[in-house]
Amino acid sequence: MDLSIVSIHEASIFLNKSHKTLQRWDDNGTFPAIKDSRGRRFYTQEALTNMKNLLNGVTRSEAAKQIGVTEKTMWLWDKTGLLRSCYVIGSTSYYLQQDIDNYLAMKKEVTV
């Protein structure tokens, strides 16, 4: 087997997610796996690295805490374009830390 292909067990450790989460992401198309003839799931190292980078985003809940607003406010800002999430995995919206930092810097400039 190619060394750049890893099992679901290895992938779950690398991503710090459960087997069930990876199975659900595969089933709903969020993070498709490569399946062998017996239905076992495998992932490429490149796909895992890309997913790890995406998972390093900031959740809506974490972003709301950093900014000092409610999650509902964050949801409204996302819908109106004030501060948009950059991607969604499952039902969780993620923001880039840089976007949050830029918003806080802009807010600080306006209040000074």
C-alpha atoms as a PDB file:
ATOM      1  CA  MET A   1       0.000   0.000   0.000  1.00  0.00           C
ATOM      2  CA  ASP A   2       1.149   3.561  -0.753  1.00  0.00           C
ATOM      3  CA  LEU A   3       2.658   5.229   2.345  1.00  0.00           C
ATOM      4  CA  SER A   4       0.745   8.440   1.610  1.00  0.00           C
ATOM      5  CA  ILE A   5      -2.558   6.598   2.282  1.00  0.00           C
ATOM      6  CA  VAL A   6      -3.635   6.208   5.910  1.00  0.00           C
ATOM      7  CA  SER A   7      -6.402   4.281   7.635  1.00  0.00           C
ATOM      8  CA  ILE A   8      -9.420   5.865   9.300  1.00  0.00           C
ATOM      9  CA  HIS A   9      -7.816   5.035  12.658  1.00  0.00           C
ATOM     10  CA  GLU A  10      -4.665   6.988  11.791  1.00  0.00           C
ATOM     11  CA  ALA A  11      -6.765   9.793  10.305  1.00  0.00           C
ATOM     12  CA  SER A  12      -8.873  10.084  13.458  1.00  0.00           C
ATOM     13  CA  ILE A  13      -5.720  10.441  15.571  1.00  0.00           C
ATOM     14  CA  PHE A  14      -4.193  12.998  13.201  1.00  0.00           C
ATOM     15  CA  LEU A  15      -7.375  15.117  13.102  1.00  0.00           C
ATOM     16  CA  ASN A  16      -8.305  14.507  16.756  1.00  0.00           C
ATOM     17  CA  LYS A  17     -11.781  13.396  15.670  1.00  0.00           C
ATOM     18  CA  SER A  18     -13.631  10.156  16.351  1.00  0.00           C
ATOM     19  CA  HIS A  19     -14.060   7.344  13.827  1.00  0.00           C
ATOM     20  CA  LYS A  20     -17.801   8.060  13.881  1.00  0.00           C
ATOM     21  CA  THR A  21     -17.224  11.712  12.939  1.00  0.00           C
ATOM     22  CA  LEU A  22     -15.032  10.723   9.989  1.00  0.00           C
ATOM     23  CA  GLN A  23     -17.589   8.113   8.907  1.00  0.00           C
ATOM     24  CA  ARG A  24     -20.375  10.715   9.084  1.00  0.00           C
ATOM     25  CA  TRP A  25     -18.279  13.250   7.128  1.00  0.00           C
ATOM     26  CA  ASP A  26     -17.647  10.588   4.478  1.00  0.00           C
ATOM     27  CA  ASP A  27     -21.321   9.610   4.305  1.00  0.00           C
ATOM     28  CA  ASN A  28     -22.538  13.210   3.930  1.00  0.00           C
ATOM     29  CA  GLY A  29     -19.758  14.232   1.530  1.00  0.00           C
ATOM     30  CA  THR A  30     -18.018  16.689   3.871  1.00  0.00           C
ATOM     31  CA  PHE A  31     -14.742  14.740   3.851  1.00  0.00           C
ATOM     32  CA  PRO A  32     -14.925  11.793   1.439  1.00  0.00           C
ATOM     33  CA  ALA A  33     -12.749   8.750   2.049  1.00  0.00           C
ATOM     34  CA  ILE A  34     -11.203   6.353  -0.391  1.00  0.00           C
ATOM     35  CA  LYS A  35     -12.810   2.928   0.074  1.00  0.00           C
ATOM     36  CA  ASP A  36     -11.308  -0.427  -0.750  1.00  0.00           C
ATOM     37  CA  SER A  37     -13.264  -3.423  -2.056  1.00  0.00           C
ATOM     38  CA  ARG A  38     -14.230  -4.356   1.509  1.00  0.00           C
ATOM     39  CA  GLY A  39     -15.566  -0.869   2.302  1.00  0.00           C
ATOM     40  CA  ARG A  40     -12.706   0.162   4.595  1.00  0.00           C
ATOM     41  CA  ARG A  41     -12.008   3.891   4.584  1.00  0.00           C
ATOM     42  CA  PHE A  42      -8.628   5.435   3.800  1.00  0.00           C
ATOM     43  CA  TYR A  43      -7.405   9.003   3.309  1.00  0.00           C
ATOM     44  CA  THR A  44      -4.520  10.598   1.466  1.00  0.00           C
ATOM     45  CA  GLN A  45      -1.960  12.498   3.485  1.00  0.00           C
ATOM     46  CA  GLU A  46      -2.665  15.579   1.354  1.00  0.00           C
ATOM     47  CA  ALA A  47      -6.414  15.445   2.111  1.00  0.00           C
ATOM     48  CA  LEU A  48      -5.694  15.054   5.830  1.00  0.00           C
ATOM     49  CA  THR A  49      -3.319  18.017   5.845  1.00  0.00           C
ATOM     50  CA  ASN A  50      -5.897  20.172   4.056  1.00  0.00           C
ATOM     51  CA  MET A  51      -8.635  19.149   6.509  1.00  0.00           C
ATOM     52  CA  LYS A  52      -6.339  19.803   9.483  1.00  0.00           C
ATOM     53  CA  ASN A  53      -5.737  23.327   8.172  1.00  0.00           C
ATOM     54  CA  LEU A  54      -9.485  23.889   7.814  1.00  0.00           C
ATOM     55  CA  LEU A  55     -10.132  22.599  11.322  1.00  0.00           C
ATOM     56  CA  ASN A  56      -7.682  25.165  12.697  1.00  0.00           C
ATOM     57  CA  GLY A  57     -10.278  27.842  11.964  1.00  0.00           C
ATOM     58  CA  VAL A  58     -12.222  29.485  14.762  1.00  0.00           C
ATOM     59  CA  THR A  59     -15.759  28.266  15.453  1.00  0.00           C
ATOM     60  CA  ARG A  60     -18.660  30.718  15.645  1.00  0.00           C
ATOM     61  CA  SER A  61     -18.799  30.222  19.410  1.00  0.00           C
ATOM     62  CA  GLU A  62     -15.076  30.953  19.839  1.00  0.00           C
ATOM     63  CA  ALA A  63     -15.272  33.971  17.507  1.00  0.00           C
ATOM     64  CA  ALA A  64     -18.239  35.387  19.458  1.00  0.00           C
ATOM     65  CA  LYS A  65     -16.291  35.106  22.717  1.00  0.00           C
ATOM     66  CA  GLN A  66     -13.237  36.851  21.239  1.00  0.00           C
ATOM     67  CA  ILE A  67     -15.329  39.712  19.895  1.00  0.00           C
ATOM     68  CA  GLY A  68     -17.668  39.924  22.884  1.00  0.00           C
ATOM     69  CA  VAL A  69     -20.985  39.316  21.106  1.00  0.00           C
ATOM     70  CA  THR A  70     -23.515  36.500  21.030  1.00  0.00           C
ATOM     71  CA  GLU A  71     -23.469  33.612  18.572  1.00  0.00           C
ATOM     72  CA  LYS A  72     -26.726  34.953  17.138  1.00  0.00           C
ATOM     73  CA  THR A  73     -25.004  38.263  16.398  1.00  0.00           C
ATOM     74  CA  MET A  74     -22.214  36.358  14.641  1.00  0.00           C
ATOM     75  CA  TRP A  75     -24.844  34.486  12.602  1.00  0.00           C
ATOM     76  CA  LEU A  76     -26.496  37.783  11.603  1.00  0.00           C
ATOM     77  CA  TRP A  77     -23.135  39.305  10.660  1.00  0.00           C
ATOM     78  CA  ASP A  78     -22.411  36.252   8.528  1.00  0.00           C
ATOM     79  CA  LYS A  79     -25.751  36.603   6.716  1.00  0.00           C
ATOM     80  CA  THR A  80     -25.372  40.366   6.182  1.00  0.00           C
ATOM     81  CA  GLY A  81     -21.697  40.180   5.192  1.00  0.00           C
ATOM     82  CA  LEU A  82     -20.207  42.144   8.102  1.00  0.00           C
ATOM     83  CA  LEU A  83     -18.024  39.210   9.166  1.00  0.00           C
ATOM     84  CA  ARG A  84     -18.428  36.094   7.056  1.00  0.00           C
ATOM     85  CA  SER A  85     -17.491  32.568   8.022  1.00  0.00           C
ATOM     86  CA  CYS A  86     -15.051  31.050   5.549  1.00  0.00           C
ATOM     87  CA  TYR A  87     -16.405  27.489   5.555  1.00  0.00           C
ATOM     88  CA  VAL A  88     -18.806  25.077   7.226  1.00  0.00           C
ATOM     89  CA  ILE A  89     -18.073  21.515   8.277  1.00  0.00           C
ATOM     90  CA  GLY A  90     -21.157  19.597   9.274  1.00  0.00           C
ATOM     91  CA  SER A  91     -23.212  22.238  11.049  1.00  0.00           C
ATOM     92  CA  THR A  92     -20.223  24.177  12.435  1.00  0.00           C
ATOM     93  CA  SER A  93     -19.227  27.494  10.848  1.00  0.00           C
ATOM     94  CA  TYR A  94     -15.563  28.465  10.935  1.00  0.00           C
ATOM     95  CA  TYR A  95     -13.915  31.884  10.744  1.00  0.00           C
ATOM     96  CA  LEU A  96     -10.323  32.789  10.000  1.00  0.00           C
ATOM     97  CA  GLN A  97      -8.461  34.177  13.005  1.00  0.00           C
ATOM     98  CA  GLN A  98      -7.052  36.899  10.752  1.00  0.00           C
ATOM     99  CA  ASP A  99     -10.593  38.092   9.900  1.00  0.00           C
ATOM    100  CA  ILE A 100     -11.472  38.299  13.597  1.00  0.00           C
ATOM    101  CA  ASP A 101      -8.250  40.190  14.363  1.00  0.00           C
ATOM    102  CA  ASN A 102      -8.940  42.605  11.489  1.00  0.00           C
ATOM    103  CA  TYR A 103     -12.473  43.233  12.784  1.00  0.00           C
ATOM    104  CA  LEU A 104     -11.200  43.911  16.312  1.00  0.00           C
ATOM    105  CA  ALA A 105      -8.508  46.287  14.987  1.00  0.00           C
ATOM    106  CA  MET A 106     -11.090  48.144  12.887  1.00  0.00           C
ATOM    107  CA  LYS A 107     -13.447  48.368  15.871  1.00  0.00           C
ATOM    108  CA  LYS A 108     -10.599  49.705  18.044  1.00  0.00           C
ATOM    109  CA  GLU A 109      -9.769  52.402  15.463  1.00  0.00           C
ATOM    110  CA  VAL A 110     -13.394  53.528  15.273  1.00  0.00           C
ATOM    111  CA  THR A 111     -13.734  53.864  19.068  1.00  0.00           C
ATOM    112  CA  VAL A 112     -10.446  55.793  19.513  1.00  0.00           C
END
